[in-house]
Amino acid sequence: MLQKVEGLVIRTNDYGETNKIVTIFTRENGKIALMARGAKRPKSRFASSAQIFVYGIFIYQSSTGIGTLSQSDVIDSFRDVRSDLKLTAHGAYIVELIDRLTEDRERNPFLFELLYQTFQFLNEGLDPEILTRIFETKMLHVAGVTPVLTQCTSCGSESEFYVFSMKQAGLLCGRCQYEDPNHIKVNIAVIKLLRLFQQLDIQRLGKVNVKQETKKQLKEILSYYYDEFVGIHLKSKRFLDQVDRLYPN
C-alpha cells in the first residue's frame, strides 16, 4: 500500500553499496524509516532527497518493518543551515534529539510543526542558541520530565527569589532552598525565559535578544537537567559544544 507523507529527514544510514535507510519525521505518521534504493548513486532519483535536513513529500510502500521509498519531491533543503558549520551543528543536535526521544510511527503534528518551524527560523538567521534552548525545553515534555518553573517544588509558594534544584526537578524558594544543598543559583532572566519557552508557540517567536551570560546559564541548566533526568548521550551534542567553543558568538 502506497502512502504519501510530508516530512523532514532526521537521519540517514548507508545500506550496502548503493542504498540508504532514510529516517523521516513526518506530519502524518510520526517517525518512519524507509529504504531508498540506489540513493548513493550520483544520478539516483533519490540522491537529493535522501539527505539529512531535507524537507519534502515522500511516497512509500508501507510494511510492518522498513518501508520502501517510491517517489520524493524536495520542498526545501534548508541551504543556509547546511552551508554554515554552526547552524549545521545546531540542526544535527535538534534532529538527533527528536530521533532519540520519539518512538516509531507515533503521530505528533505539534512536534512536527515545532521541528519544521525551528528549521525555518534557523535558515532565516534567528539566534541558533535560543532556538536550540527552546527546542530542548519543549522536548523535556516529550520525555515526560518537565521541570516545575511556576512555583516552589517543595512548598508551592510563588516567590521573587528562586534557586534551581536538580534533586527536586525545578525551583525552590528562598525558604526551601536548603532542602537541596547542591542547588544552583540562577538569574531571574533565566527563569523567565525557561517559563516562556515552556509555553511559547514557536510560530509566534519574534526577534530575540538575550545577553551572552544569560544564554550561557540557560545552556548549563538544561544540560545538567538532561544529564540528570533524560540520560541520553548524543554525539551531536559533543560536536555542537566543540563548534560553540570555536564560534562563541
Protein backbone atom coordinates (compact mmCIF):
# COMPACT_ATOMS: atom_id res chain seq x y z
CA MET A 1 0.00 0.00 0.00
CA LEU A 2 1.42 3.37 -1.06
CA GLN A 3 1.38 6.22 1.44
CA LYS A 4 2.13 9.92 0.91
CA VAL A 5 3.66 11.96 3.73
CA GLU A 6 5.23 15.35 4.35
CA GLY A 7 8.38 15.23 6.41
CA LEU A 8 11.93 16.21 7.28
CA VAL A 9 14.87 13.79 7.04
CA ILE A 10 16.40 13.42 10.50
CA ARG A 11 18.85 10.57 9.87
CA THR A 12 20.44 8.63 7.01
CA ASN A 13 22.37 5.37 7.13
CA ASP A 14 24.22 3.66 4.31
CA TYR A 15 22.92 0.20 3.47
CA GLY A 16 25.05 -1.88 1.17
CA GLU A 17 26.99 -0.34 -1.67
CA THR A 18 24.22 1.77 -3.21
CA ASN A 19 21.28 2.06 -0.82
CA LYS A 20 20.36 4.27 2.13
CA ILE A 21 17.93 3.90 5.00
CA VAL A 22 16.32 7.30 5.45
CA THR A 23 14.59 8.20 8.73
CA ILE A 24 11.95 10.90 8.29
CA PHE A 25 9.87 12.72 10.88
CA THR A 26 6.51 13.15 9.19
CA ARG A 27 3.38 15.15 9.82
CA GLU A 28 1.09 12.21 9.14
CA ASN A 29 2.83 9.15 10.60
CA GLY A 30 5.49 10.39 13.01
CA LYS A 31 8.95 8.86 12.64
CA ILE A 32 9.36 6.34 9.83
CA ALA A 33 12.33 4.55 8.26
CA LEU A 34 12.42 4.00 4.51
CA MET A 35 14.75 2.13 2.20
CA ALA A 36 15.93 4.43 -0.60
CA ARG A 37 17.29 2.01 -3.16
CA GLY A 38 20.19 3.32 -5.22
CA ALA A 39 20.27 6.61 -3.29
CA LYS A 40 24.07 6.58 -3.05
CA ARG A 41 24.42 6.68 -6.82
CA PRO A 42 25.11 10.24 -8.08
CA LYS A 43 22.39 10.02 -10.74
CA SER A 44 19.82 8.40 -8.46
CA ARG A 45 16.36 9.98 -8.37
CA PHE A 46 16.71 9.91 -4.57
CA ALA A 47 20.20 11.46 -4.42
CA SER A 48 18.92 14.92 -3.45
CA SER A 49 16.05 13.87 -1.18
CA ALA A 50 17.87 11.17 0.84
CA GLN A 51 19.94 13.72 2.74
CA ILE A 52 19.69 14.98 6.30
CA PHE A 53 17.62 18.17 6.84
CA VAL A 54 15.76 17.78 3.54
CA TYR A 55 12.07 18.67 3.81
CA GLY A 56 9.70 17.29 1.22
CA ILE A 57 6.93 15.00 0.09
CA PHE A 58 7.66 11.27 0.23
CA ILE A 59 5.65 8.44 -1.27
CA TYR A 60 6.48 4.99 0.02
CA GLN A 61 5.38 1.39 0.11
CA SER A 62 4.48 0.68 3.71
CA SER A 63 5.28 -2.54 5.54
CA THR A 64 5.49 -3.86 9.08
CA GLY A 65 9.24 -3.10 9.07
CA ILE A 66 11.17 -0.65 6.95
CA GLY A 67 9.13 0.77 4.10
CA THR A 68 10.42 1.34 0.58
CA LEU A 69 10.70 4.84 -0.84
CA SER A 70 8.95 5.05 -4.22
CA GLN A 71 8.97 8.76 -5.00
CA SER A 72 10.15 12.02 -3.42
CA ASP A 73 9.81 15.73 -4.07
CA VAL A 74 12.14 18.16 -2.28
CA ILE A 75 10.35 21.26 -0.99
CA ASP A 76 13.22 22.81 0.95
CA SER A 77 16.81 21.69 1.57
CA PHE A 78 17.47 24.44 4.17
CA ARG A 79 20.51 25.52 2.23
CA ASP A 80 21.74 28.09 4.78
CA VAL A 81 21.60 25.56 7.62
CA ARG A 82 23.56 23.05 5.55
CA SER A 83 26.24 25.52 4.42
CA ASP A 84 27.05 27.08 7.81
CA LEU A 85 29.04 24.93 10.27
CA LYS A 86 27.43 26.40 13.38
CA LEU A 87 23.89 26.07 12.00
CA THR A 88 24.66 22.53 10.82
CA ALA A 89 25.81 21.63 14.35
CA HIS A 90 22.63 23.02 15.91
CA GLY A 91 20.48 21.30 13.28
CA ALA A 92 22.22 17.97 13.82
CA TYR A 93 21.64 18.19 17.58
CA ILE A 94 17.97 19.07 17.12
CA VAL A 95 17.23 16.15 14.79
CA GLU A 96 19.14 13.69 16.99
CA LEU A 97 17.11 14.85 19.98
CA ILE A 98 13.85 14.20 18.17
CA ASP A 99 15.14 10.88 16.88
CA ARG A 100 16.17 9.63 20.31
CA LEU A 101 13.13 10.89 22.22
CA THR A 102 10.34 9.69 19.92
CA GLU A 103 9.04 6.25 19.07
CA ASP A 104 8.46 4.98 15.54
CA ARG A 105 5.10 5.74 13.93
CA GLU A 106 3.70 7.83 16.76
CA ARG A 107 1.84 10.68 15.09
CA ASN A 108 2.53 14.08 16.69
CA PRO A 109 1.55 17.06 14.50
CA PHE A 110 2.57 19.55 17.22
CA LEU A 111 6.09 18.13 17.34
CA PHE A 112 6.30 18.12 13.56
CA GLU A 113 5.40 21.82 13.45
CA LEU A 114 7.96 22.56 16.18
CA LEU A 115 10.69 20.78 14.21
CA TYR A 116 9.78 22.36 10.88
CA GLN A 117 9.41 25.88 12.27
CA THR A 118 12.71 25.60 14.16
CA PHE A 119 14.49 24.79 10.91
CA GLN A 120 12.70 27.62 9.15
CA PHE A 121 13.96 30.06 11.78
CA LEU A 122 17.47 28.60 11.71
CA ASN A 123 17.51 29.10 7.96
CA GLU A 124 16.24 32.69 8.34
CA GLY A 125 19.06 33.65 10.69
CA LEU A 126 17.38 33.73 14.10
CA ASP A 127 19.68 33.07 17.05
CA PRO A 128 20.51 29.34 16.84
CA GLU A 129 21.35 29.10 20.55
CA ILE A 130 17.94 30.42 21.60
CA LEU A 131 16.16 28.20 19.08
CA THR A 132 18.03 25.17 20.42
CA ARG A 133 17.20 26.09 24.03
CA ILE A 134 13.51 26.43 23.11
CA PHE A 135 13.61 23.05 21.39
CA GLU A 136 15.35 21.40 24.35
CA THR A 137 12.80 22.84 26.77
CA LYS A 138 9.86 21.57 24.78
CA MET A 139 11.41 18.15 24.28
CA LEU A 140 11.52 17.70 28.06
CA HIS A 141 7.72 17.46 27.90
CA VAL A 142 8.04 14.76 25.22
CA ALA A 143 10.47 12.90 27.50
CA GLY A 144 8.00 13.21 30.39
CA VAL A 145 10.35 15.15 32.69
CA THR A 146 9.09 18.74 32.53
CA PRO A 147 10.65 20.84 35.34
CA VAL A 148 8.44 22.85 37.70
CA LEU A 149 9.05 26.52 36.89
CA THR A 150 5.96 28.37 38.16
CA GLN A 151 6.27 27.77 41.91
CA CYS A 152 8.43 26.24 44.60
CA THR A 153 8.51 22.45 44.19
CA SER A 154 8.57 22.00 47.96
CA CYS A 155 6.02 24.41 49.47
CA GLY A 156 4.19 25.55 46.34
CA SER A 157 4.69 29.24 47.02
CA GLU A 158 5.30 31.84 44.37
CA SER A 159 8.32 33.99 45.11
CA GLU A 160 10.57 36.69 43.72
CA PHE A 161 13.61 34.60 44.57
CA TYR A 162 14.30 31.07 43.40
CA VAL A 163 17.14 28.63 43.02
CA PHE A 164 17.13 25.63 40.68
CA SER A 165 17.19 22.16 42.21
CA MET A 166 18.07 19.08 40.19
CA LYS A 167 17.04 16.98 43.19
CA GLN A 168 13.54 18.49 43.15
CA ALA A 169 13.29 18.84 39.34
CA GLY A 170 12.51 22.52 39.47
CA LEU A 171 12.57 25.65 41.55
CA LEU A 172 12.97 26.13 45.29
CA CYS A 173 12.08 29.38 47.03
CA GLY A 174 14.37 31.17 49.48
CA ARG A 175 12.88 29.39 52.48
CA CYS A 176 13.15 25.92 50.94
CA GLN A 177 16.47 26.22 49.13
CA TYR A 178 18.28 24.48 52.00
CA GLU A 179 16.44 21.24 51.20
CA ASP A 180 18.91 20.84 48.36
CA PRO A 181 22.46 21.85 49.35
CA ASN A 182 23.51 21.40 45.72
CA HIS A 183 21.00 23.87 44.33
CA ILE A 184 22.04 26.22 41.54
CA LYS A 185 21.63 29.96 41.85
CA VAL A 186 20.01 31.26 38.69
CA ASN A 187 19.40 34.68 37.24
CA ILE A 188 15.72 35.67 37.24
CA ALA A 189 16.04 36.29 33.48
CA VAL A 190 16.88 32.59 33.01
CA ILE A 191 13.79 31.51 34.95
CA LYS A 192 11.57 33.87 32.96
CA LEU A 193 12.96 32.58 29.67
CA LEU A 194 12.53 28.93 30.65
CA ARG A 195 8.90 29.65 31.59
CA LEU A 196 8.40 31.40 28.28
CA PHE A 197 9.98 28.55 26.35
CA GLN A 198 7.62 26.04 28.00
CA GLN A 199 4.51 27.95 26.93
CA LEU A 200 5.59 29.64 23.71
CA ASP A 201 4.02 28.83 20.36
CA ILE A 202 7.23 28.89 18.33
CA GLN A 203 5.39 30.19 15.28
CA ARG A 204 4.90 33.45 17.19
CA LEU A 205 8.58 33.85 18.01
CA GLY A 206 9.97 37.22 17.02
CA LYS A 207 13.46 38.63 17.17
CA VAL A 208 15.11 37.66 20.46
CA ASN A 209 17.99 39.50 22.11
CA VAL A 210 19.47 37.64 25.07
CA LYS A 211 22.64 38.54 26.95
CA GLN A 212 25.54 36.13 26.49
CA GLU A 213 25.70 35.48 30.24
CA THR A 214 22.01 34.51 30.26
CA LYS A 215 22.46 32.22 27.25
CA LYS A 216 25.38 30.53 28.98
CA GLN A 217 23.36 29.79 32.10
CA LEU A 218 20.37 28.60 30.08
CA LYS A 219 22.62 26.10 28.34
CA GLU A 220 24.18 24.93 31.60
CA ILE A 221 20.85 24.42 33.38
CA LEU A 222 19.31 22.49 30.50
CA SER A 223 22.46 20.42 30.00
CA TYR A 224 22.53 19.43 33.69
CA TYR A 225 18.81 18.67 33.59
CA TYR A 226 19.12 16.42 30.54
CA ASP A 227 22.02 14.56 32.16
CA GLU A 228 20.04 14.06 35.37
CA PHE A 229 16.58 13.18 34.06
CA VAL A 230 16.79 12.22 30.39
CA GLY A 231 20.09 10.37 30.40
CA ILE A 232 20.80 10.29 26.69
CA HIS A 233 24.28 10.88 25.33
CA LEU A 234 24.32 12.40 21.86
CA LYS A 235 27.30 12.54 19.52
CA SER A 236 25.81 15.69 18.01
CA LYS A 237 25.91 17.45 21.38
CA ARG A 238 29.65 16.91 21.71
CA PHE A 239 30.09 18.24 18.17
CA LEU A 240 27.86 21.24 18.95
CA ASP A 241 29.83 22.04 22.11
CA GLN A 242 33.06 21.97 20.10
CA VAL A 243 31.63 24.28 17.44
CA ASP A 244 30.25 26.67 20.06
CA ARG A 245 33.73 26.95 21.58
CA LEU A 246 35.14 27.79 18.15
CA TYR A 247 32.38 30.31 17.38
CA PRO A 248 31.28 31.67 20.78
CA ASN A 249 29.07 34.46 19.39
